[in-house]
Amino acid sequence: MTDNRSSSALFKRAEQLKRWEESDTNKQSPTPRRASRIQFSSGIVFLAACTAGDKDEVQRLLKRGADINTANVDGLTALHQVSKLLYTTNTSSSPLNTH
């Protein structure tokens, strides 16, 4: 009985491979796809720069008119991000510092 199952499984697998070889999914497209670039809005880039603490990028984006009121999915704006960054990196002024 085990031999029947084994041969049946091998037969089914061979059928699957045959269907795959003949499928459109397996065929390569005639023209290679060019990788597409993702374009982020200036507000999102501004939020990322603020979160990373990248002063030069923040200033450059502000000069180009970045929307300072852009919020992330949690509703946090650039001011929130910078405040959080300053709070966590400036341990001497942190109320959690017990030294």
Foldseek 3Di string as FASTA:
>chain_A
DVVVVVVVVVVVVVVVVVCCVVDPVNDDDPDDDDDDDDDDDLQVVLLVCLLVVPVVSNVVSVVVPHDQCDADPVNDGSVNSNVVVCQVVVLVPHPVDPD
